Amino acid sequence: MTDNKIKKINVFDFRALLKNDKAVKIIILGGVALVLLIFMSDFLSGTSKNQTTQAVEVSYEQYEKRLEKKLSQALAEIDGVGEFTVIITLDSLSETVYSERGGAVKTVITPKVRGVAIICEGGDDIYVKQKIVEMTSKVLGIGTNKICVTN
């Protein structure tokens, strides 16, 4: 019979690696390079985020028109609403809050809706008016006391 001995092989012996000066230097240099890469990627991505955010920002009028278009599309689906005009007033201009580090945009606060006026055919019907007020409140996320519907 042959005597089969099983040898235990260490795939990775960390202690032996630490005894080798050349390996220790490579590990240290690799760690330093990794830390530099992390800092550089954070710095570079901050610049691109700032540029992206500036491209996304819209003017006061564009934001107002976008809200009016969104609401108009929803109102066009309500039975009993004929021709209509939507007027939205905003409370204030949008506000951009910058971070202290690097000037990258942290938050853009959009203006709040001050009020909505809807002039429409069918606005004198109490049921149509109720549907319009409810729809407007849901679409814009405002209270019904900020909505005026008239014929």
N, C-alpha and C. Protein backbone atom coordinates (compact mmCIF):
# COMPACT_ATOMS: atom_id res chain seq x y z
N MET A 1 0.83 -1.17 0.00
CA MET A 1 0.00 0.00 0.00
C MET A 1 0.87 1.24 0.00
N THR A 2 0.42 2.20 -0.74
CA THR A 2 1.17 3.46 -0.75
C THR A 2 0.65 4.37 0.33
N ASP A 3 1.55 5.09 0.87
CA ASP A 3 1.19 6.00 1.95
C ASP A 3 0.93 7.39 1.35
N ASN A 4 -0.31 7.75 1.28
CA ASN A 4 -0.68 9.07 0.75
C ASN A 4 -0.74 10.08 1.89
N LYS A 5 0.16 11.02 1.83
CA LYS A 5 0.14 12.08 2.84
C LYS A 5 -0.46 13.33 2.21
N ILE A 6 -1.33 13.93 2.94
CA ILE A 6 -1.95 15.16 2.47
C ILE A 6 -1.13 16.33 3.00
N LYS A 7 -0.66 17.12 2.06
CA LYS A 7 0.11 18.29 2.46
C LYS A 7 -0.82 19.49 2.54
N LYS A 8 -0.63 20.25 3.55
CA LYS A 8 -1.39 21.48 3.71
C LYS A 8 -0.62 22.61 3.04
N ILE A 9 -1.25 23.23 2.06
CA ILE A 9 -0.59 24.29 1.32
C ILE A 9 -1.29 25.60 1.66
N ASN A 10 -0.52 26.57 2.10
CA ASN A 10 -1.06 27.90 2.36
C ASN A 10 -1.07 28.65 1.04
N VAL A 11 -2.24 29.05 0.63
CA VAL A 11 -2.35 29.77 -0.62
C VAL A 11 -1.77 31.17 -0.46
N PHE A 12 -2.03 31.78 0.66
CA PHE A 12 -1.55 33.13 0.88
C PHE A 12 -1.05 33.24 2.31
N ASP A 13 0.23 33.43 2.46
CA ASP A 13 0.83 33.55 3.78
C ASP A 13 1.18 35.02 4.01
N PHE A 14 0.32 35.73 4.74
CA PHE A 14 0.47 37.17 4.95
C PHE A 14 1.71 37.49 5.79
N ARG A 15 2.01 36.63 6.77
CA ARG A 15 3.17 36.87 7.64
C ARG A 15 4.48 36.82 6.84
N ALA A 16 4.55 35.89 5.93
CA ALA A 16 5.75 35.79 5.10
C ALA A 16 5.86 37.01 4.18
N LEU A 17 4.73 37.50 3.73
CA LEU A 17 4.72 38.67 2.86
C LEU A 17 5.22 39.90 3.60
N LEU A 18 4.84 40.04 4.87
CA LEU A 18 5.27 41.20 5.66
C LEU A 18 6.77 41.18 5.98
N LYS A 19 7.38 40.02 5.92
CA LYS A 19 8.82 39.91 6.18
C LYS A 19 9.63 40.41 4.98
N ASN A 20 8.99 40.46 3.83
CA ASN A 20 9.66 40.90 2.61
C ASN A 20 9.53 42.43 2.50
N ASP A 21 10.63 43.16 2.58
CA ASP A 21 10.62 44.63 2.53
C ASP A 21 10.04 45.16 1.23
N LYS A 22 10.33 44.52 0.15
CA LYS A 22 9.84 44.96 -1.14
C LYS A 22 8.31 44.87 -1.20
N ALA A 23 7.76 43.80 -0.65
CA ALA A 23 6.31 43.61 -0.65
C ALA A 23 5.64 44.65 0.24
N VAL A 24 6.25 44.98 1.36
CA VAL A 24 5.69 45.99 2.27
C VAL A 24 5.64 47.35 1.58
N LYS A 25 6.71 47.69 0.85
CA LYS A 25 6.73 48.97 0.13
C LYS A 25 5.65 49.01 -0.94
N ILE A 26 5.44 47.92 -1.63
CA ILE A 26 4.40 47.85 -2.67
C ILE A 26 3.01 48.02 -2.05
N ILE A 27 2.78 47.39 -0.90
CA ILE A 27 1.49 47.50 -0.22
C ILE A 27 1.25 48.95 0.21
N ILE A 28 2.27 49.59 0.77
CA ILE A 28 2.13 50.97 1.22
C ILE A 28 1.87 51.90 0.03
N LEU A 29 2.64 51.73 -1.04
CA LEU A 29 2.44 52.56 -2.23
C LEU A 29 1.06 52.34 -2.84
N GLY A 30 0.59 51.11 -2.84
CA GLY A 30 -0.75 50.81 -3.35
C GLY A 30 -1.82 51.49 -2.51
N GLY A 31 -1.64 51.48 -1.19
CA GLY A 31 -2.61 52.14 -0.31
C GLY A 31 -2.64 53.64 -0.52
N VAL A 32 -1.46 54.24 -0.67
CA VAL A 32 -1.38 55.68 -0.92
C VAL A 32 -2.04 56.02 -2.26
N ALA A 33 -1.77 55.21 -3.28
CA ALA A 33 -2.38 55.44 -4.59
C ALA A 33 -3.90 55.32 -4.52
N LEU A 34 -4.40 54.37 -3.75
CA LEU A 34 -5.85 54.20 -3.59
C LEU A 34 -6.48 55.42 -2.92
N VAL A 35 -5.84 55.92 -1.88
CA VAL A 35 -6.35 57.10 -1.18
C VAL A 35 -6.36 58.31 -2.12
N LEU A 36 -5.30 58.48 -2.91
CA LEU A 36 -5.24 59.59 -3.87
C LEU A 36 -6.34 59.46 -4.92
N LEU A 37 -6.57 58.26 -5.39
CA LEU A 37 -7.64 58.04 -6.38
C LEU A 37 -9.00 58.42 -5.81
N ILE A 38 -9.25 58.08 -4.57
CA ILE A 38 -10.53 58.40 -3.94
C ILE A 38 -10.71 59.92 -3.84
N PHE A 39 -9.66 60.63 -3.39
CA PHE A 39 -9.75 62.08 -3.29
C PHE A 39 -9.90 62.74 -4.66
N MET A 40 -9.17 62.26 -5.64
CA MET A 40 -9.24 62.83 -6.98
C MET A 40 -10.61 62.59 -7.61
N SER A 41 -11.17 61.41 -7.42
CA SER A 41 -12.48 61.13 -8.01
C SER A 41 -13.56 61.99 -7.36
N ASP A 42 -13.44 62.24 -6.06
CA ASP A 42 -14.38 63.11 -5.37
C ASP A 42 -14.27 64.54 -5.89
N PHE A 43 -13.06 65.00 -6.09
CA PHE A 43 -12.83 66.35 -6.60
C PHE A 43 -13.35 66.50 -8.03
N LEU A 44 -13.04 65.53 -8.87
CA LEU A 44 -13.47 65.59 -10.27
C LEU A 44 -14.97 65.43 -10.41
N SER A 45 -15.55 64.54 -9.63
CA SER A 45 -17.01 64.35 -9.73
C SER A 45 -17.75 65.56 -9.19
N GLY A 46 -17.18 66.30 -8.25
CA GLY A 46 -17.81 67.53 -7.76
C GLY A 46 -17.93 68.55 -8.87
N THR A 47 -16.94 68.63 -9.72
CA THR A 47 -16.98 69.57 -10.84
C THR A 47 -18.06 69.18 -11.83
N SER A 48 -18.14 67.90 -12.16
CA SER A 48 -19.14 67.48 -13.14
C SER A 48 -20.55 67.59 -12.57
N LYS A 49 -20.72 67.35 -11.27
CA LYS A 49 -22.04 67.51 -10.66
C LYS A 49 -22.48 68.96 -10.74
N ASN A 50 -21.56 69.88 -10.49
CA ASN A 50 -21.87 71.30 -10.55
C ASN A 50 -22.32 71.68 -11.95
N GLN A 51 -21.61 71.20 -12.97
CA GLN A 51 -21.96 71.51 -14.34
C GLN A 51 -23.31 70.91 -14.70
N THR A 52 -23.57 69.69 -14.25
CA THR A 52 -24.85 69.04 -14.54
C THR A 52 -25.99 69.80 -13.89
N THR A 53 -25.82 70.21 -12.64
CA THR A 53 -26.88 70.92 -11.94
C THR A 53 -27.16 72.25 -12.60
N GLN A 54 -26.13 72.95 -13.05
CA GLN A 54 -26.36 74.23 -13.71
C GLN A 54 -27.16 74.04 -14.99
N ALA A 55 -26.95 72.94 -15.67
CA ALA A 55 -27.67 72.68 -16.91
C ALA A 55 -29.14 72.36 -16.62
N VAL A 56 -29.43 71.81 -15.44
CA VAL A 56 -30.79 71.41 -15.10
C VAL A 56 -31.63 72.58 -14.58
N GLU A 57 -30.97 73.57 -13.98
CA GLU A 57 -31.70 74.70 -13.43
C GLU A 57 -32.50 75.42 -14.52
N VAL A 58 -33.71 75.80 -14.18
CA VAL A 58 -34.57 76.50 -15.13
C VAL A 58 -34.96 77.85 -14.56
N SER A 59 -35.38 78.72 -15.44
CA SER A 59 -35.76 80.06 -14.99
C SER A 59 -37.13 80.01 -14.33
N TYR A 60 -37.43 81.09 -13.67
CA TYR A 60 -38.71 81.27 -12.98
C TYR A 60 -39.87 81.07 -13.94
N GLU A 61 -39.80 81.72 -15.10
CA GLU A 61 -40.87 81.66 -16.09
C GLU A 61 -41.01 80.25 -16.67
N GLN A 62 -39.88 79.58 -16.92
CA GLN A 62 -39.92 78.23 -17.46
C GLN A 62 -40.59 77.28 -16.46
N TYR A 63 -40.28 77.44 -15.19
CA TYR A 63 -40.87 76.59 -14.16
C TYR A 63 -42.38 76.84 -14.08
N GLU A 64 -42.77 78.10 -14.12
CA GLU A 64 -44.19 78.47 -14.08
C GLU A 64 -44.92 77.86 -15.29
N LYS A 65 -44.34 77.99 -16.47
CA LYS A 65 -44.95 77.45 -17.70
C LYS A 65 -45.04 75.94 -17.66
N ARG A 66 -44.02 75.29 -17.10
CA ARG A 66 -44.04 73.83 -17.00
C ARG A 66 -45.18 73.37 -16.09
N LEU A 67 -45.39 74.07 -14.97
CA LEU A 67 -46.49 73.74 -14.07
C LEU A 67 -47.84 73.97 -14.76
N GLU A 68 -47.97 75.07 -15.47
CA GLU A 68 -49.21 75.38 -16.17
C GLU A 68 -49.51 74.32 -17.23
N LYS A 69 -48.50 73.88 -17.94
CA LYS A 69 -48.69 72.85 -18.97
C LYS A 69 -49.12 71.53 -18.34
N LYS A 70 -48.46 71.17 -17.25
CA LYS A 70 -48.79 69.93 -16.53
C LYS A 70 -50.24 69.95 -16.05
N LEU A 71 -50.65 71.07 -15.48
CA LEU A 71 -52.01 71.20 -14.98
C LEU A 71 -53.00 71.22 -16.15
N SER A 72 -52.66 71.90 -17.22
CA SER A 72 -53.55 71.97 -18.39
C SER A 72 -53.82 70.59 -18.98
N GLN A 73 -52.80 69.76 -19.04
CA GLN A 73 -52.97 68.40 -19.55
C GLN A 73 -53.95 67.61 -18.69
N ALA A 74 -53.87 67.79 -17.38
CA ALA A 74 -54.77 67.08 -16.48
C ALA A 74 -56.20 67.62 -16.59
N LEU A 75 -56.35 68.95 -16.68
CA LEU A 75 -57.68 69.56 -16.76
C LEU A 75 -58.39 69.21 -18.06
N ALA A 76 -57.64 69.02 -19.12
CA ALA A 76 -58.24 68.68 -20.42
C ALA A 76 -58.96 67.34 -20.39
N GLU A 77 -58.64 66.51 -19.42
CA GLU A 77 -59.25 65.18 -19.31
C GLU A 77 -60.55 65.18 -18.50
N ILE A 78 -60.90 66.28 -17.86
CA ILE A 78 -62.11 66.34 -17.03
C ILE A 78 -63.32 66.61 -17.91
N ASP A 79 -64.34 65.78 -17.75
CA ASP A 79 -65.60 65.98 -18.48
C ASP A 79 -66.27 67.27 -18.02
N GLY A 80 -66.76 68.04 -18.97
CA GLY A 80 -67.47 69.27 -18.65
C GLY A 80 -66.60 70.51 -18.73
N VAL A 81 -65.29 70.32 -18.86
CA VAL A 81 -64.39 71.46 -18.97
C VAL A 81 -64.20 71.75 -20.46
N GLY A 82 -64.59 72.95 -20.85
CA GLY A 82 -64.39 73.36 -22.24
C GLY A 82 -63.06 74.06 -22.39
N GLU A 83 -63.08 75.17 -23.10
CA GLU A 83 -61.87 75.99 -23.25
C GLU A 83 -61.49 76.55 -21.88
N PHE A 84 -60.20 76.60 -21.61
CA PHE A 84 -59.77 77.12 -20.31
C PHE A 84 -58.43 77.82 -20.41
N THR A 85 -58.18 78.64 -19.39
CA THR A 85 -56.90 79.32 -19.23
C THR A 85 -56.44 79.06 -17.81
N VAL A 86 -55.15 78.72 -17.67
CA VAL A 86 -54.58 78.45 -16.36
C VAL A 86 -53.53 79.51 -16.07
N ILE A 87 -53.63 80.12 -14.89
CA ILE A 87 -52.64 81.10 -14.45
C ILE A 87 -52.12 80.65 -13.08
N ILE A 88 -50.80 80.47 -13.01
CA ILE A 88 -50.17 80.05 -11.75
C ILE A 88 -49.24 81.16 -11.30
N THR A 89 -49.35 81.54 -10.03
CA THR A 89 -48.40 82.49 -9.46
C THR A 89 -47.54 81.78 -8.45
N LEU A 90 -46.27 82.13 -8.45
CA LEU A 90 -45.32 81.49 -7.55
C LEU A 90 -44.95 82.45 -6.44
N ASP A 91 -44.62 81.91 -5.28
CA ASP A 91 -44.33 82.69 -4.09
C ASP A 91 -43.00 83.42 -4.16
N SER A 92 -41.98 82.74 -4.63
CA SER A 92 -40.66 83.36 -4.67
C SER A 92 -39.84 82.72 -5.77
N LEU A 93 -38.69 83.30 -6.04
CA LEU A 93 -37.78 82.73 -7.01
C LEU A 93 -37.16 81.46 -6.45
N SER A 94 -36.61 80.62 -7.34
CA SER A 94 -35.94 79.42 -6.85
C SER A 94 -34.68 79.82 -6.11
N GLU A 95 -34.29 78.99 -5.18
CA GLU A 95 -33.14 79.29 -4.33
C GLU A 95 -32.13 78.16 -4.49
N THR A 96 -30.88 78.51 -4.69
CA THR A 96 -29.82 77.53 -4.81
C THR A 96 -28.95 77.60 -3.57
N VAL A 97 -28.79 76.46 -2.90
CA VAL A 97 -27.98 76.39 -1.69
C VAL A 97 -26.67 75.70 -2.07
N TYR A 98 -25.54 76.38 -1.86
CA TYR A 98 -24.23 75.84 -2.21
C TYR A 98 -23.57 75.21 -1.00
N SER A 99 -22.79 74.17 -1.25
CA SER A 99 -22.03 73.57 -0.16
C SER A 99 -20.83 74.46 0.11
N GLU A 100 -20.28 74.33 1.30
CA GLU A 100 -19.14 75.15 1.69
C GLU A 100 -17.87 74.71 0.97
N ARG A 101 -17.84 73.46 0.56
CA ARG A 101 -16.63 72.88 -0.03
C ARG A 101 -16.74 72.88 -1.55
N GLY A 102 -15.91 73.62 -2.21
CA GLY A 102 -15.80 73.54 -3.66
C GLY A 102 -16.88 74.24 -4.46
N GLY A 103 -17.90 74.79 -3.83
CA GLY A 103 -18.93 75.52 -4.55
C GLY A 103 -19.89 74.65 -5.34
N ALA A 104 -19.86 73.34 -5.14
CA ALA A 104 -20.78 72.47 -5.86
C ALA A 104 -22.19 72.67 -5.31
N VAL A 105 -23.19 72.57 -6.18
CA VAL A 105 -24.57 72.78 -5.76
C VAL A 105 -25.01 71.62 -4.88
N LYS A 106 -25.52 71.96 -3.71
CA LYS A 106 -26.00 70.94 -2.79
C LYS A 106 -27.50 70.72 -2.98
N THR A 107 -28.28 71.79 -3.04
CA THR A 107 -29.72 71.69 -3.16
C THR A 107 -30.28 72.85 -3.95
N VAL A 108 -31.26 72.58 -4.78
CA VAL A 108 -31.99 73.64 -5.46
C VAL A 108 -33.42 73.58 -4.95
N ILE A 109 -33.86 74.65 -4.31
CA ILE A 109 -35.20 74.70 -3.75
C ILE A 109 -36.10 75.41 -4.75
N THR A 110 -37.11 74.70 -5.23
CA THR A 110 -38.00 75.28 -6.23
C THR A 110 -39.02 76.19 -5.54
N PRO A 111 -39.53 77.18 -6.29
CA PRO A 111 -40.51 78.10 -5.70
C PRO A 111 -41.81 77.38 -5.35
N LYS A 112 -42.50 77.92 -4.37
CA LYS A 112 -43.79 77.37 -3.97
C LYS A 112 -44.92 78.07 -4.72
N VAL A 113 -45.97 77.33 -4.97
CA VAL A 113 -47.12 77.89 -5.66
C VAL A 113 -47.90 78.76 -4.69
N ARG A 114 -48.11 80.02 -5.06
CA ARG A 114 -48.88 80.95 -4.23
C ARG A 114 -50.36 80.77 -4.48
N GLY A 115 -50.73 80.65 -5.76
CA GLY A 115 -52.14 80.50 -6.09
C GLY A 115 -52.34 80.11 -7.53
N VAL A 116 -53.55 79.63 -7.83
CA VAL A 116 -53.90 79.20 -9.18
C VAL A 116 -55.26 79.78 -9.53
N ALA A 117 -55.35 80.36 -10.72
CA ALA A 117 -56.63 80.83 -11.24
C ALA A 117 -56.92 80.05 -12.51
N ILE A 118 -58.14 79.50 -12.58
CA ILE A 118 -58.54 78.75 -13.76
C ILE A 118 -59.84 79.35 -14.26
N ILE A 119 -59.79 79.85 -15.48
CA ILE A 119 -60.97 80.42 -16.12
C ILE A 119 -61.38 79.42 -17.19
N CYS A 120 -62.60 78.87 -17.05
CA CYS A 120 -62.98 77.82 -18.01
C CYS A 120 -64.48 77.80 -18.27
N GLU A 121 -64.79 77.26 -19.44
CA GLU A 121 -66.18 76.97 -19.75
C GLU A 121 -66.58 75.79 -18.88
N GLY A 122 -67.70 75.87 -18.24
CA GLY A 122 -68.13 74.81 -17.33
C GLY A 122 -67.74 75.10 -15.89
N GLY A 123 -67.03 76.19 -15.66
CA GLY A 123 -66.59 76.55 -14.32
C GLY A 123 -67.71 76.98 -13.40
N ASP A 124 -68.89 77.24 -13.98
CA ASP A 124 -70.03 77.63 -13.15
C ASP A 124 -70.80 76.41 -12.64
N ASP A 125 -70.54 75.23 -13.19
CA ASP A 125 -71.16 73.98 -12.73
C ASP A 125 -70.43 73.52 -11.46
N ILE A 126 -71.17 73.33 -10.37
CA ILE A 126 -70.57 73.00 -9.08
C ILE A 126 -69.78 71.70 -9.10
N TYR A 127 -70.25 70.70 -9.86
CA TYR A 127 -69.55 69.40 -9.92
C TYR A 127 -68.27 69.50 -10.74
N VAL A 128 -68.31 70.22 -11.83
CA VAL A 128 -67.11 70.43 -12.65
C VAL A 128 -66.10 71.24 -11.85
N LYS A 129 -66.58 72.27 -11.17
CA LYS A 129 -65.71 73.11 -10.35
C LYS A 129 -65.01 72.29 -9.26
N GLN A 130 -65.76 71.38 -8.63
CA GLN A 130 -65.20 70.53 -7.58
C GLN A 130 -64.11 69.61 -8.15
N LYS A 131 -64.37 69.04 -9.33
CA LYS A 131 -63.37 68.18 -9.97
C LYS A 131 -62.11 68.95 -10.31
N ILE A 132 -62.29 70.17 -10.80
CA ILE A 132 -61.14 71.01 -11.17
C ILE A 132 -60.31 71.35 -9.93
N VAL A 133 -60.97 71.74 -8.85
CA VAL A 133 -60.27 72.09 -7.62
C VAL A 133 -59.51 70.89 -7.06
N GLU A 134 -60.15 69.72 -7.03
CA GLU A 134 -59.50 68.51 -6.52
C GLU A 134 -58.30 68.12 -7.38
N MET A 135 -58.48 68.16 -8.70
CA MET A 135 -57.40 67.80 -9.61
C MET A 135 -56.22 68.76 -9.46
N THR A 136 -56.50 70.04 -9.40
CA THR A 136 -55.45 71.05 -9.26
C THR A 136 -54.70 70.87 -7.95
N SER A 137 -55.43 70.61 -6.89
CA SER A 137 -54.83 70.41 -5.58
C SER A 137 -53.88 69.21 -5.60
N LYS A 138 -54.30 68.13 -6.23
CA LYS A 138 -53.48 66.91 -6.28
C LYS A 138 -52.26 67.09 -7.19
N VAL A 139 -52.46 67.69 -8.36
CA VAL A 139 -51.37 67.85 -9.33
C VAL A 139 -50.27 68.76 -8.80
N LEU A 140 -50.66 69.86 -8.17
CA LEU A 140 -49.67 70.84 -7.70
C LEU A 140 -49.29 70.67 -6.23
N GLY A 141 -50.02 69.82 -5.52
CA GLY A 141 -49.70 69.60 -4.10
C GLY A 141 -49.96 70.81 -3.25
N ILE A 142 -51.07 71.51 -3.52
CA ILE A 142 -51.41 72.71 -2.76
C ILE A 142 -52.80 72.55 -2.14
N GLY A 143 -53.10 73.39 -1.20
CA GLY A 143 -54.41 73.37 -0.56
C GLY A 143 -55.47 73.95 -1.48
N THR A 144 -56.72 73.52 -1.27
CA THR A 144 -57.82 73.98 -2.12
C THR A 144 -58.11 75.48 -1.92
N ASN A 145 -57.66 76.04 -0.82
CA ASN A 145 -57.89 77.47 -0.57
C ASN A 145 -57.01 78.35 -1.47
N LYS A 146 -56.08 77.77 -2.20
CA LYS A 146 -55.20 78.53 -3.10
C LYS A 146 -55.67 78.45 -4.55
N ILE A 147 -56.88 77.87 -4.76
CA ILE A 147 -57.36 77.62 -6.12
C ILE A 147 -58.64 78.40 -6.35
N CYS A 148 -58.70 79.13 -7.45
CA CYS A 148 -59.90 79.88 -7.83
C CYS A 148 -60.33 79.39 -9.21
N VAL A 149 -61.59 78.95 -9.31
CA VAL A 149 -62.14 78.49 -10.58
C VAL A 149 -63.34 79.38 -10.91
N THR A 150 -63.36 79.90 -12.11
CA THR A 150 -64.45 80.76 -12.52
C THR A 150 -64.76 80.53 -13.98
N ASN A 151 -65.94 81.05 -14.38
CA ASN A 151 -66.39 80.92 -15.76
C ASN A 151 -66.04 82.17 -16.53
